[in-house]
């Protein structure tokens, strides 16, 4: 929405509706980043409209009005509010989506932010995130939550039994193995530089998905996958390794093509 393309009546309508949406959204939330009707500079905007200082002749030149339109276009309570509400209402009645939320929540090993702490609290207490918390996390496209959400709502890149190999970008920071900690708990650790180097060019069999949960997340890319962690067995080895699917590709090696040809 552009301020220059709307009337004063349309402006005052969306202004009032926006803060109605905010007041509905913040119910039950101890803190949000959303502005309030009486907060600066919007309290001044409302009072200026009421006393006629801002009117149909000058509202398009007012910096607070321009600031509000930017807020309206970007906020979950603004331009896309109805679409977000529809999306949220569909998610909270879909068992598959609820399971995805539970999987993401169960995989959180630490507290990245206030919103992720609130997610854990709400999932523990009521089994669902609030509208505000879901979209505060979802709209942050660089957040781990968004990476996992996009990943788990997309098909797996490989099938069990597929033969794959490392992409050139894969290094020791991406290739993991399971070790036992001093307390006896299994932990993921890098395979180290030497083994990582040796694994490049090695055939790897896909054994399973999601046996381990990656702490480092990546945005979902069609054709490359997302943040799902794949359990792999290098050909000729008995040691499993774990890798996010984004660093794997289907092997095109001659041995694989010959094996598939024999099956036919």
Protein backbone atom coordinates (compact mmCIF):
# COMPACT_ATOMS: atom_id res chain seq x y z
CA UNK A 1 0.00 0.00 0.00
CA UNK A 2 1.25 3.48 -0.92
CA UNK A 3 0.25 6.59 0.97
CA UNK A 4 0.09 8.58 -2.26
CA UNK A 5 -2.54 6.21 -3.68
CA UNK A 6 -5.14 6.19 -0.89
CA UNK A 7 -7.69 8.68 0.40
CA UNK A 8 -7.72 10.17 3.88
CA UNK A 9 -10.75 8.03 4.75
CA UNK A 10 -8.94 4.87 3.63
CA UNK A 11 -5.90 5.91 5.65
CA UNK A 12 -7.84 6.45 8.88
CA UNK A 13 -9.71 3.15 8.33
CA UNK A 14 -6.55 1.05 7.97
CA UNK A 15 -4.93 2.95 10.86
CA UNK A 16 -7.78 2.06 13.19
CA UNK A 17 -8.03 -1.52 11.88
CA UNK A 18 -4.32 -2.08 12.31
CA UNK A 19 -4.41 -1.23 16.00
CA UNK A 20 -7.58 -3.32 16.47
CA UNK A 21 -5.59 -6.24 15.01
CA UNK A 22 -2.66 -5.46 17.32
CA UNK A 23 -4.90 -5.45 20.40
CA UNK A 24 -6.37 -8.80 19.37
CA UNK A 25 -2.92 -10.27 18.73
CA UNK A 26 -1.23 -9.25 21.99
CA UNK A 27 -3.84 -10.82 24.27
CA UNK A 28 -1.96 -13.25 26.53
CA UNK A 29 1.47 -12.07 25.37
CA UNK A 30 3.64 -10.57 28.14
CA UNK A 31 5.76 -8.75 25.54
CA UNK A 32 5.66 -8.10 21.78
CA UNK A 33 7.49 -5.83 19.36
CA UNK A 34 4.16 -4.54 18.03
CA UNK A 35 3.39 -0.82 18.47
CA UNK A 36 0.52 0.35 20.67
CA UNK A 37 -2.17 2.86 19.80
CA UNK A 38 -0.89 5.30 22.43
CA UNK A 39 2.83 4.69 21.82
CA UNK A 40 5.14 7.17 20.12
CA UNK A 41 4.63 8.36 17.43
CA UNK A 42 1.17 6.88 16.90
CA UNK A 43 -0.46 8.50 19.92
CA UNK A 44 0.52 11.84 18.41
CA UNK A 45 -0.86 10.74 15.03
CA UNK A 46 -4.28 9.89 16.48
CA UNK A 47 -4.49 13.14 18.44
CA UNK A 48 -3.44 15.17 15.38
CA UNK A 49 -6.15 13.52 13.28
CA UNK A 50 -8.70 14.14 16.02
CA UNK A 51 -7.92 17.87 16.35
CA UNK A 52 -7.65 18.33 12.57
CA UNK A 53 -3.91 19.12 12.48
CA UNK A 54 -3.55 16.17 10.11
CA UNK A 55 -6.33 16.10 7.56
CA UNK A 56 -7.21 15.11 4.01
CA UNK A 57 -5.19 18.03 2.61
CA UNK A 58 -1.85 17.27 4.25
CA UNK A 59 -1.81 13.64 5.51
CA UNK A 60 0.21 12.44 2.52
CA UNK A 61 3.02 14.82 3.43
CA UNK A 62 3.19 13.76 7.09
CA UNK A 63 6.22 11.69 8.10
CA UNK A 64 4.32 9.77 10.81
CA UNK A 65 1.64 8.77 8.29
CA UNK A 66 4.39 7.59 5.93
CA UNK A 67 6.05 5.72 8.79
CA UNK A 68 2.76 4.03 9.63
CA UNK A 69 2.22 2.82 6.05
CA UNK A 70 5.66 1.16 6.11
CA UNK A 71 4.74 -0.49 9.41
CA UNK A 72 1.37 -1.55 7.99
CA UNK A 73 2.92 -3.13 4.90
CA UNK A 74 5.44 -5.16 6.92
CA UNK A 75 3.64 -6.05 10.15
CA UNK A 76 1.78 -9.30 10.78
CA UNK A 77 -1.15 -7.13 11.90
CA UNK A 78 -1.20 -5.04 8.74
CA UNK A 79 -1.68 -5.65 5.04
CA UNK A 80 -1.49 -9.46 5.21
CA UNK A 81 -3.28 -9.92 8.54
CA UNK A 82 -6.29 -11.81 7.13
CA UNK A 83 -4.06 -14.10 5.07
CA UNK A 84 -1.89 -14.83 8.10
CA UNK A 85 -4.96 -15.52 10.25
CA UNK A 86 -6.29 -17.97 7.66
CA UNK A 87 -2.91 -19.70 7.45
CA UNK A 88 -2.65 -19.94 11.25
CA UNK A 89 -6.21 -21.25 11.64
CA UNK A 90 -5.44 -24.01 9.11
CA UNK A 91 -2.16 -24.95 10.80
CA UNK A 92 -3.59 -25.38 14.31
CA UNK A 93 -6.18 -27.95 13.14
CA UNK A 94 -3.81 -29.92 10.89
CA UNK A 95 -2.25 -32.90 12.75
CA UNK A 96 0.73 -33.00 10.36
CA UNK A 97 1.52 -29.31 10.93
CA UNK A 98 1.17 -29.71 14.69
CA UNK A 99 3.57 -32.66 14.56
CA UNK A 100 6.07 -30.53 12.64
CA UNK A 101 5.83 -27.86 15.33
CA UNK A 102 6.40 -30.50 18.00
CA UNK A 103 9.40 -31.91 16.11
CA UNK A 104 10.95 -28.46 15.78
CA UNK A 105 10.29 -27.70 19.43
CA UNK A 106 11.72 -31.02 20.60
CA UNK A 107 14.84 -30.44 18.55
CA UNK A 108 15.64 -27.08 20.13
CA UNK A 109 18.73 -27.64 22.26
CA UNK A 110 19.07 -24.10 23.54
CA UNK A 111 17.28 -20.77 23.66
CA UNK A 112 18.12 -18.69 20.62
CA UNK A 113 15.79 -15.77 21.37
CA UNK A 114 12.85 -14.55 23.41
CA UNK A 115 10.40 -15.85 20.78
CA UNK A 116 11.94 -19.32 20.71
CA UNK A 117 11.75 -19.47 24.54
CA UNK A 118 8.08 -18.51 24.30
CA UNK A 119 7.57 -21.21 21.68
CA UNK A 120 8.91 -23.84 24.06
CA UNK A 121 6.74 -22.53 26.89
CA UNK A 122 3.58 -22.48 24.79
CA UNK A 123 4.21 -25.91 23.25
CA UNK A 124 4.76 -27.33 26.72
CA UNK A 125 1.71 -25.62 28.20
CA UNK A 126 -0.93 -25.83 25.46
CA UNK A 127 0.69 -27.75 22.59
CA UNK A 128 0.45 -24.83 20.14
CA UNK A 129 2.20 -21.51 19.57
CA UNK A 130 0.18 -18.32 19.66
CA UNK A 131 -0.52 -16.44 16.45
CA UNK A 132 2.03 -13.81 17.42
CA UNK A 133 4.84 -16.21 18.35
CA UNK A 134 4.35 -18.37 15.25
CA UNK A 135 4.59 -15.45 12.84
CA UNK A 136 7.29 -13.62 14.77
CA UNK A 137 9.43 -16.72 14.13
CA UNK A 138 8.05 -17.59 10.69
CA UNK A 139 8.61 -14.12 9.20
CA UNK A 140 12.27 -14.13 10.20
CA UNK A 141 13.50 -15.91 7.07
CA UNK A 142 17.02 -16.24 8.50
CA UNK A 143 15.88 -17.90 11.72
CA UNK A 144 16.38 -21.57 12.56
CA UNK A 145 12.63 -21.93 13.06
CA UNK A 146 11.90 -20.81 9.49
CA UNK A 147 14.63 -23.06 8.12
CA UNK A 148 13.13 -26.09 9.91
CA UNK A 149 9.56 -25.15 9.06
CA UNK A 150 10.33 -24.91 5.32
CA UNK A 151 12.38 -28.10 5.46
CA UNK A 152 9.75 -30.24 7.19
CA UNK A 153 7.00 -28.91 4.94
CA UNK A 154 8.96 -30.01 1.85
CA UNK A 155 9.65 -33.53 0.54
CA UNK A 156 12.83 -35.36 1.51
CA UNK A 157 15.52 -35.05 -1.12
CA UNK A 158 16.63 -38.71 -1.04
CA UNK A 159 15.11 -42.15 -0.56
CA UNK A 160 16.47 -44.76 1.83
CA UNK A 161 19.06 -46.82 -0.02
CA UNK A 162 20.04 -44.03 -2.41
CA UNK A 163 23.73 -43.72 -3.19
CA UNK A 164 24.92 -40.18 -2.73
CA UNK A 165 28.15 -38.24 -2.44
CA UNK A 166 29.34 -35.02 -0.87
CA UNK A 167 28.89 -31.69 -2.59
CA UNK A 168 32.10 -29.73 -3.04
CA UNK A 169 31.04 -27.26 -0.32
CA UNK A 170 30.90 -29.98 2.38
CA UNK A 171 33.74 -29.83 4.89
CA UNK A 172 34.59 -31.09 8.36
CA UNK A 173 32.21 -28.56 9.91
CA UNK A 174 29.28 -30.24 8.17
CA UNK A 175 30.18 -33.95 8.46
CA UNK A 176 29.36 -35.38 11.89
CA UNK A 177 29.77 -38.59 13.86
CA UNK A 178 28.33 -39.63 17.21
CA UNK A 179 30.62 -39.79 20.23
CA UNK A 180 29.86 -40.50 23.87
CA UNK A 181 30.37 -37.63 26.27
CA UNK A 182 31.98 -37.99 29.69
CA UNK A 183 28.48 -38.18 31.17
CA UNK A 184 27.58 -41.06 28.87
CA UNK A 185 25.31 -39.11 26.54
CA UNK A 186 25.71 -39.29 22.74
CA UNK A 187 26.90 -36.04 21.14
CA UNK A 188 27.57 -34.97 17.56
CA UNK A 189 31.13 -34.06 16.73
CA UNK A 190 33.02 -33.33 13.52
CA UNK A 191 34.71 -36.28 11.81
CA UNK A 192 37.82 -34.13 11.49
CA UNK A 193 39.75 -32.76 8.54
CA UNK A 194 41.43 -36.01 7.46
CA UNK A 195 38.28 -38.10 7.29
CA UNK A 196 36.30 -35.26 5.70
CA UNK A 197 38.90 -35.03 2.94
CA UNK A 198 38.82 -38.79 2.39
CA UNK A 199 35.02 -38.82 2.13
CA UNK A 200 34.98 -36.54 -0.90
CA UNK A 201 34.43 -38.81 -3.88
CA UNK A 202 33.29 -41.70 -1.66
CA UNK A 203 29.92 -43.38 -2.26
CA UNK A 204 27.56 -42.98 0.69
CA UNK A 205 24.37 -44.98 1.30
CA UNK A 206 21.35 -43.21 2.77
CA UNK A 207 20.28 -45.20 5.85
CA UNK A 208 17.81 -42.88 7.59
CA UNK A 209 16.53 -39.37 8.11
CA UNK A 210 16.19 -37.34 11.30
CA UNK A 211 18.07 -39.66 13.65
CA UNK A 212 20.09 -36.59 14.64
CA UNK A 213 19.10 -32.94 14.81
CA UNK A 214 21.42 -30.30 13.32
CA UNK A 215 22.23 -27.27 15.44
CA UNK A 216 23.37 -25.37 12.35
CA UNK A 217 20.44 -24.66 10.04
CA UNK A 218 20.15 -23.68 6.39
CA UNK A 219 17.40 -22.11 4.30
CA UNK A 220 15.48 -24.55 2.14
CA UNK A 221 16.47 -24.63 -1.53
CA UNK A 222 14.53 -26.61 -4.10
CA UNK A 223 16.83 -29.25 -5.55
CA UNK A 224 19.27 -29.00 -2.62
CA UNK A 225 16.96 -29.56 0.32
CA UNK A 226 17.09 -27.96 3.71
CA UNK A 227 18.13 -28.72 7.27
CA UNK A 228 17.15 -32.40 7.60
CA UNK A 229 20.05 -34.50 8.81
CA UNK A 230 20.74 -37.71 6.89
CA UNK A 231 22.32 -40.85 8.36
CA UNK A 232 24.88 -42.24 5.91
CA UNK A 233 27.17 -45.25 5.61
CA UNK A 234 30.30 -44.80 3.48
CA UNK A 235 30.88 -47.77 1.15
CA UNK A 236 33.51 -50.02 2.69
CA UNK A 237 33.07 -48.56 6.19
CA UNK A 238 31.10 -49.54 9.29
CA UNK A 239 31.02 -46.05 10.81
CA UNK A 240 27.88 -44.01 10.27
CA UNK A 241 28.17 -40.34 9.53
CA UNK A 242 25.56 -37.58 9.66
CA UNK A 243 25.13 -34.71 7.27
CA UNK A 244 22.52 -32.09 6.42
CA UNK A 245 20.98 -33.03 3.05
CA UNK A 246 21.95 -29.69 1.52
CA UNK A 247 25.56 -30.88 1.33
CA UNK A 248 24.70 -34.10 -0.52
CA UNK A 249 23.88 -34.97 -4.11
CA UNK A 250 22.81 -38.13 -5.90
CA UNK A 251 25.94 -39.94 -7.05
CA UNK A 252 26.56 -40.13 -10.79
CA UNK A 253 29.45 -42.53 -10.48
CA UNK A 254 29.85 -45.37 -12.96
CA UNK A 255 29.52 -47.99 -10.21
CA UNK A 256 26.06 -46.72 -9.31
CA UNK A 257 24.89 -46.70 -12.94
CA UNK A 258 26.19 -50.25 -13.41
CA UNK A 259 24.43 -51.45 -10.25
CA UNK A 260 21.15 -49.93 -11.41
CA UNK A 261 21.62 -51.52 -14.84
CA UNK A 262 22.02 -55.00 -13.30
CA UNK A 263 18.76 -54.59 -11.36
CA UNK A 264 16.91 -54.04 -14.64
